[in-house]
């Protein structure tokens, strides 16, 4: 199998921007997974996640949506008024800008898994 281009030892700006998106998702997911969440705290937790990740280099914007229906279902199935945050409750969009390259990446549930993917590289 041939590579799309010969490796020069240096990543392209697009590759670096994509890498940065992966770093942001890793930080977001693993920093906040397990955080206690309830319907009353969902909005403030989403805002805290956005603001924390936006602090990182090359991050233009982060949008975190909490899947309130899934959250309510999980709480109803449990014995407390809250549950732990998992990827099942999150829809996330990141915009990364690096040296003239913009990457848009998303995390959404797909087949029961919080899939992180690149949507656009320009």
C-alpha atoms as a PDB file:
ATOM      1  CA  UNK A   1       0.000   0.000   0.000  1.00  0.00           C
ATOM      2  CA  UNK A   2       1.451   3.347  -1.025  1.00  0.00           C
ATOM      3  CA  UNK A   3       1.193   6.382   1.204  1.00  0.00           C
ATOM      4  CA  UNK A   4      -0.738   9.361  -0.153  1.00  0.00           C
ATOM      5  CA  UNK A   5       2.497  11.355   0.024  1.00  0.00           C
ATOM      6  CA  UNK A   6       6.073  10.624   0.882  1.00  0.00           C
ATOM      7  CA  UNK A   7       6.747  11.139   4.556  1.00  0.00           C
ATOM      8  CA  UNK A   8       9.160  14.003   5.087  1.00  0.00           C
ATOM      9  CA  UNK A   9       9.404  13.650   8.840  1.00  0.00           C
ATOM     10  CA  UNK A  10       7.264  16.735   9.430  1.00  0.00           C
ATOM     11  CA  UNK A  11       3.473  16.705   9.642  1.00  0.00           C
ATOM     12  CA  UNK A  12       1.538  18.981   7.328  1.00  0.00           C
ATOM     13  CA  UNK A  13      -0.494  21.835   8.807  1.00  0.00           C
ATOM     14  CA  UNK A  14      -3.672  19.820   8.136  1.00  0.00           C
ATOM     15  CA  UNK A  15      -2.245  16.776   9.927  1.00  0.00           C
ATOM     16  CA  UNK A  16      -1.227  18.928  12.873  1.00  0.00           C
ATOM     17  CA  UNK A  17      -4.698  20.512  13.040  1.00  0.00           C
ATOM     18  CA  UNK A  18      -6.284  17.039  13.021  1.00  0.00           C
ATOM     19  CA  UNK A  19      -3.913  15.906  15.766  1.00  0.00           C
ATOM     20  CA  UNK A  20      -4.884  18.944  17.838  1.00  0.00           C
ATOM     21  CA  UNK A  21      -8.565  18.015  17.449  1.00  0.00           C
ATOM     22  CA  UNK A  22      -7.774  14.550  18.794  1.00  0.00           C
ATOM     23  CA  UNK A  23      -5.953  16.027  21.771  1.00  0.00           C
ATOM     24  CA  UNK A  24      -8.941  18.238  22.559  1.00  0.00           C
ATOM     25  CA  UNK A  25     -11.353  15.296  22.423  1.00  0.00           C
ATOM     26  CA  UNK A  26      -9.102  13.203  24.647  1.00  0.00           C
ATOM     27  CA  UNK A  27      -8.915  16.005  27.186  1.00  0.00           C
ATOM     28  CA  UNK A  28     -12.630  16.690  27.095  1.00  0.00           C
ATOM     29  CA  UNK A  29     -13.738  13.098  27.353  1.00  0.00           C
ATOM     30  CA  UNK A  30     -11.281  11.810  29.929  1.00  0.00           C
ATOM     31  CA  UNK A  31     -11.257  14.916  32.090  1.00  0.00           C
ATOM     32  CA  UNK A  32     -15.030  14.998  32.510  1.00  0.00           C
ATOM     33  CA  UNK A  33     -16.144  11.342  32.227  1.00  0.00           C
ATOM     34  CA  UNK A  34     -17.481  10.260  35.592  1.00  0.00           C
ATOM     35  CA  UNK A  35     -18.462  13.760  36.695  1.00  0.00           C
ATOM     36  CA  UNK A  36     -21.762  13.721  38.606  1.00  0.00           C
ATOM     37  CA  UNK A  37     -24.481  15.229  36.404  1.00  0.00           C
ATOM     38  CA  UNK A  38     -28.175  15.986  36.836  1.00  0.00           C
ATOM     39  CA  UNK A  39     -30.662  17.948  34.755  1.00  0.00           C
ATOM     40  CA  UNK A  40     -30.083  20.927  37.069  1.00  0.00           C
ATOM     41  CA  UNK A  41     -26.298  20.877  36.540  1.00  0.00           C
ATOM     42  CA  UNK A  42     -26.191  19.869  32.862  1.00  0.00           C
ATOM     43  CA  UNK A  43     -26.012  23.378  31.389  1.00  0.00           C
ATOM     44  CA  UNK A  44     -23.312  24.578  33.767  1.00  0.00           C
ATOM     45  CA  UNK A  45     -21.276  21.410  33.197  1.00  0.00           C
ATOM     46  CA  UNK A  46     -21.552  21.834  29.410  1.00  0.00           C
ATOM     47  CA  UNK A  47     -20.363  25.442  29.748  1.00  0.00           C
ATOM     48  CA  UNK A  48     -17.466  24.405  31.995  1.00  0.00           C
ATOM     49  CA  UNK A  49     -16.414  21.764  29.459  1.00  0.00           C
ATOM     50  CA  UNK A  50     -16.542  24.275  26.598  1.00  0.00           C
ATOM     51  CA  UNK A  51     -14.580  26.911  28.480  1.00  0.00           C
ATOM     52  CA  UNK A  52     -11.955  24.441  29.722  1.00  0.00           C
ATOM     53  CA  UNK A  53     -11.206  23.020  26.281  1.00  0.00           C
ATOM     54  CA  UNK A  54     -11.276  26.451  24.599  1.00  0.00           C
ATOM     55  CA  UNK A  55      -8.274  27.354  26.788  1.00  0.00           C
ATOM     56  CA  UNK A  56      -6.107  24.940  24.831  1.00  0.00           C
ATOM     57  CA  UNK A  57      -3.918  26.118  21.942  1.00  0.00           C
ATOM     58  CA  UNK A  58      -5.469  26.385  18.458  1.00  0.00           C
ATOM     59  CA  UNK A  59      -9.007  25.796  19.760  1.00  0.00           C
ATOM     60  CA  UNK A  60     -11.366  28.286  18.134  1.00  0.00           C
ATOM     61  CA  UNK A  61     -14.610  26.980  19.615  1.00  0.00           C
ATOM     62  CA  UNK A  62     -16.235  24.083  21.415  1.00  0.00           C
ATOM     63  CA  UNK A  63     -19.938  23.367  21.618  1.00  0.00           C
ATOM     64  CA  UNK A  64     -21.135  20.748  24.105  1.00  0.00           C
ATOM     65  CA  UNK A  65     -24.723  19.565  23.987  1.00  0.00           C
ATOM     66  CA  UNK A  66     -26.153  17.362  26.727  1.00  0.00           C
ATOM     67  CA  UNK A  67     -28.651  14.736  25.585  1.00  0.00           C
ATOM     68  CA  UNK A  68     -31.283  15.511  28.197  1.00  0.00           C
ATOM     69  CA  UNK A  69     -33.581  12.611  27.274  1.00  0.00           C
ATOM     70  CA  UNK A  70     -30.828  10.059  27.724  1.00  0.00           C
ATOM     71  CA  UNK A  71     -29.738  11.770  30.930  1.00  0.00           C
ATOM     72  CA  UNK A  72     -33.272  11.640  32.351  1.00  0.00           C
ATOM     73  CA  UNK A  73     -33.592   7.968  31.396  1.00  0.00           C
ATOM     74  CA  UNK A  74     -30.319   7.083  33.140  1.00  0.00           C
ATOM     75  CA  UNK A  75     -31.322   8.930  36.299  1.00  0.00           C
ATOM     76  CA  UNK A  76     -34.743   7.291  36.314  1.00  0.00           C
ATOM     77  CA  UNK A  77     -33.115   3.853  36.017  1.00  0.00           C
ATOM     78  CA  UNK A  78     -30.817   4.561  38.974  1.00  0.00           C
ATOM     79  CA  UNK A  79     -31.320   5.153  42.658  1.00  0.00           C
ATOM     80  CA  UNK A  80     -30.085   8.754  42.902  1.00  0.00           C
ATOM     81  CA  UNK A  81     -31.062  12.179  41.536  1.00  0.00           C
ATOM     82  CA  UNK A  82     -27.930  12.245  39.365  1.00  0.00           C
ATOM     83  CA  UNK A  83     -25.727   9.936  37.327  1.00  0.00           C
ATOM     84  CA  UNK A  84     -22.165   9.913  35.992  1.00  0.00           C
ATOM     85  CA  UNK A  85     -21.329  11.702  32.767  1.00  0.00           C
ATOM     86  CA  UNK A  86     -20.527   9.384  29.863  1.00  0.00           C
ATOM     87  CA  UNK A  87     -20.221   9.885  26.139  1.00  0.00           C
ATOM     88  CA  UNK A  88     -23.795   8.666  25.777  1.00  0.00           C
ATOM     89  CA  UNK A  89     -24.969  12.066  27.027  1.00  0.00           C
ATOM     90  CA  UNK A  90     -22.748  14.249  24.823  1.00  0.00           C
ATOM     91  CA  UNK A  91     -22.834  15.836  21.402  1.00  0.00           C
ATOM     92  CA  UNK A  92     -19.667  17.878  20.859  1.00  0.00           C
ATOM     93  CA  UNK A  93     -18.341  20.018  18.028  1.00  0.00           C
ATOM     94  CA  UNK A  94     -14.775  21.389  17.966  1.00  0.00           C
ATOM     95  CA  UNK A  95     -13.256  23.947  15.632  1.00  0.00           C
ATOM     96  CA  UNK A  96      -9.469  23.942  15.500  1.00  0.00           C
ATOM     97  CA  UNK A  97      -7.407  26.500  13.572  1.00  0.00           C
ATOM     98  CA  UNK A  98      -3.715  25.847  12.932  1.00  0.00           C
ATOM     99  CA  UNK A  99      -1.548  27.813  10.496  1.00  0.00           C
ATOM    100  CA  UNK A 100      -4.370  28.567   8.066  1.00  0.00           C
ATOM    101  CA  UNK A 101      -6.007  25.128   8.303  1.00  0.00           C
ATOM    102  CA  UNK A 102      -9.384  24.773   9.996  1.00  0.00           C
ATOM    103  CA  UNK A 103     -10.670  21.438  11.263  1.00  0.00           C
ATOM    104  CA  UNK A 104     -14.203  20.732  12.391  1.00  0.00           C
ATOM    105  CA  UNK A 105     -14.645  17.555  14.392  1.00  0.00           C
ATOM    106  CA  UNK A 106     -17.607  16.014  16.185  1.00  0.00           C
ATOM    107  CA  UNK A 107     -18.431  13.468  18.820  1.00  0.00           C
ATOM    108  CA  UNK A 108     -21.861  11.891  18.557  1.00  0.00           C
ATOM    109  CA  UNK A 109     -23.402   8.581  19.474  1.00  0.00           C
ATOM    110  CA  UNK A 110     -23.209   6.069  16.649  1.00  0.00           C
ATOM    111  CA  UNK A 111     -24.350   2.482  17.123  1.00  0.00           C
ATOM    112  CA  UNK A 112     -24.207   2.893  20.904  1.00  0.00           C
ATOM    113  CA  UNK A 113     -20.683   4.342  20.923  1.00  0.00           C
ATOM    114  CA  UNK A 114     -19.525   7.973  21.345  1.00  0.00           C
ATOM    115  CA  UNK A 115     -17.714   8.225  18.012  1.00  0.00           C
ATOM    116  CA  UNK A 116     -15.231  11.069  17.502  1.00  0.00           C
ATOM    117  CA  UNK A 117     -14.647  11.979  13.865  1.00  0.00           C
ATOM    118  CA  UNK A 118     -13.381  14.636  11.486  1.00  0.00           C
ATOM    119  CA  UNK A 119     -16.159  16.366   9.574  1.00  0.00           C
ATOM    120  CA  UNK A 120     -14.186  18.929   7.634  1.00  0.00           C
ATOM    121  CA  UNK A 121     -10.595  19.944   6.930  1.00  0.00           C
ATOM    122  CA  UNK A 122     -10.158  23.183   5.010  1.00  0.00           C
END
